[in-house]
Amino acid sequence: MASDDIRFGDFTGFEKVRLVALHARMAKRGLAGPEVDLSDLQRRVERIEKTAERRKHGK
């Protein structure tokens, strides 16, 4: 693991709650089958990750 990798501890408390909730929603949708579109939820997760990464690197 590189030193610039983001870890769960790099997220704020609110971001952690949002990530857990979004992953739960993805899992629930995934139960409907492989043809279900998860891209909207994946984009939300990526946005949160990018925000945490920018904060970690001071940008």
C-alpha atoms as a PDB file:
ATOM      1  CA  MET A   1       0.000   0.000   0.000  1.00  0.00           C
ATOM      2  CA  ALA A   2       1.412   3.366  -1.007  1.00  0.00           C
ATOM      3  CA  SER A   3       1.602   6.226   1.471  1.00  0.00           C
ATOM      4  CA  ASP A   4      -0.828   8.282  -0.630  1.00  0.00           C
ATOM      5  CA  ASP A   5      -3.594   5.670  -0.384  1.00  0.00           C
ATOM      6  CA  ILE A   6      -6.686   6.829   1.410  1.00  0.00           C
ATOM      7  CA  ARG A   7      -7.751   4.925   4.510  1.00  0.00           C
ATOM      8  CA  PHE A   8     -11.054   4.739   6.330  1.00  0.00           C
ATOM      9  CA  GLY A   9      -9.534   6.881   9.092  1.00  0.00           C
ATOM     10  CA  ASP A  10      -8.974   9.709   6.581  1.00  0.00           C
ATOM     11  CA  PHE A  11     -12.716  10.306   6.262  1.00  0.00           C
ATOM     12  CA  THR A  12     -14.721  12.550   8.566  1.00  0.00           C
ATOM     13  CA  GLY A  13     -17.406  10.989  10.724  1.00  0.00           C
ATOM     14  CA  PHE A  14     -20.134  12.199   8.391  1.00  0.00           C
ATOM     15  CA  GLU A  15     -18.294  10.846   5.330  1.00  0.00           C
ATOM     16  CA  LYS A  16     -17.954   7.456   7.018  1.00  0.00           C
ATOM     17  CA  VAL A  17     -21.688   7.332   7.701  1.00  0.00           C
ATOM     18  CA  ARG A  18     -22.470   8.343   4.104  1.00  0.00           C
ATOM     19  CA  LEU A  19     -20.079   5.715   2.705  1.00  0.00           C
ATOM     20  CA  VAL A  20     -21.597   2.955   4.821  1.00  0.00           C
ATOM     21  CA  ALA A  21     -25.113   4.026   3.805  1.00  0.00           C
ATOM     22  CA  LEU A  22     -24.206   4.197   0.109  1.00  0.00           C
ATOM     23  CA  HIS A  23     -22.563   0.776   0.208  1.00  0.00           C
ATOM     24  CA  ALA A  24     -25.643  -0.629   1.935  1.00  0.00           C
ATOM     25  CA  ARG A  25     -27.842   0.833  -0.813  1.00  0.00           C
ATOM     26  CA  MET A  26     -25.569  -0.691  -3.466  1.00  0.00           C
ATOM     27  CA  ALA A  27     -25.802  -4.079  -1.749  1.00  0.00           C
ATOM     28  CA  LYS A  28     -29.583  -3.819  -1.575  1.00  0.00           C
ATOM     29  CA  ARG A  29     -29.790  -2.958  -5.274  1.00  0.00           C
ATOM     30  CA  GLY A  30     -27.351  -5.742  -6.048  1.00  0.00           C
ATOM     31  CA  LEU A  31     -29.815  -8.254  -4.645  1.00  0.00           C
ATOM     32  CA  ALA A  32     -32.135  -7.386  -7.534  1.00  0.00           C
ATOM     33  CA  GLY A  33     -29.625  -8.844  -9.974  1.00  0.00           C
ATOM     34  CA  PRO A  34     -26.499  -8.051 -11.962  1.00  0.00           C
ATOM     35  CA  GLU A  35     -28.332  -5.921 -14.530  1.00  0.00           C
ATOM     36  CA  VAL A  36     -29.177  -3.190 -11.977  1.00  0.00           C
ATOM     37  CA  ASP A  37     -27.371   0.111 -12.564  1.00  0.00           C
ATOM     38  CA  LEU A  38     -25.234   1.205  -9.600  1.00  0.00           C
ATOM     39  CA  SER A  39     -23.335   3.985 -11.366  1.00  0.00           C
ATOM     40  CA  ASP A  40     -25.151   6.844  -9.597  1.00  0.00           C
ATOM     41  CA  LEU A  41     -24.230   5.494  -6.173  1.00  0.00           C
ATOM     42  CA  GLN A  42     -20.679   4.699  -7.290  1.00  0.00           C
ATOM     43  CA  ARG A  43     -20.235   8.309  -8.445  1.00  0.00           C
ATOM     44  CA  ARG A  44     -21.346   9.544  -5.013  1.00  0.00           C
ATOM     45  CA  VAL A  45     -18.801   7.278  -3.318  1.00  0.00           C
ATOM     46  CA  GLU A  46     -16.048   8.453  -5.683  1.00  0.00           C
ATOM     47  CA  ARG A  47     -16.916  12.092  -4.960  1.00  0.00           C
ATOM     48  CA  ILE A  48     -16.590  11.511  -1.211  1.00  0.00           C
ATOM     49  CA  GLU A  49     -13.279   9.683  -1.732  1.00  0.00           C
ATOM     50  CA  LYS A  50     -11.884  12.508  -3.865  1.00  0.00           C
ATOM     51  CA  THR A  51     -12.873  15.084  -1.255  1.00  0.00           C
ATOM     52  CA  ALA A  52     -11.100  13.120   1.487  1.00  0.00           C
ATOM     53  CA  GLU A  53      -8.040  12.647  -0.711  1.00  0.00           C
ATOM     54  CA  ARG A  54      -7.827  16.379  -1.469  1.00  0.00           C
ATOM     55  CA  ARG A  55      -8.129  17.144   2.243  1.00  0.00           C
ATOM     56  CA  LYS A  56      -5.428  14.597   3.084  1.00  0.00           C
ATOM     57  CA  HIS A  57      -3.001  16.088   0.579  1.00  0.00           C
ATOM     58  CA  GLY A  58      -3.866  19.683   1.444  1.00  0.00           C
ATOM     59  CA  LYS A  59      -5.223  20.654  -1.974  1.00  0.00           C
END
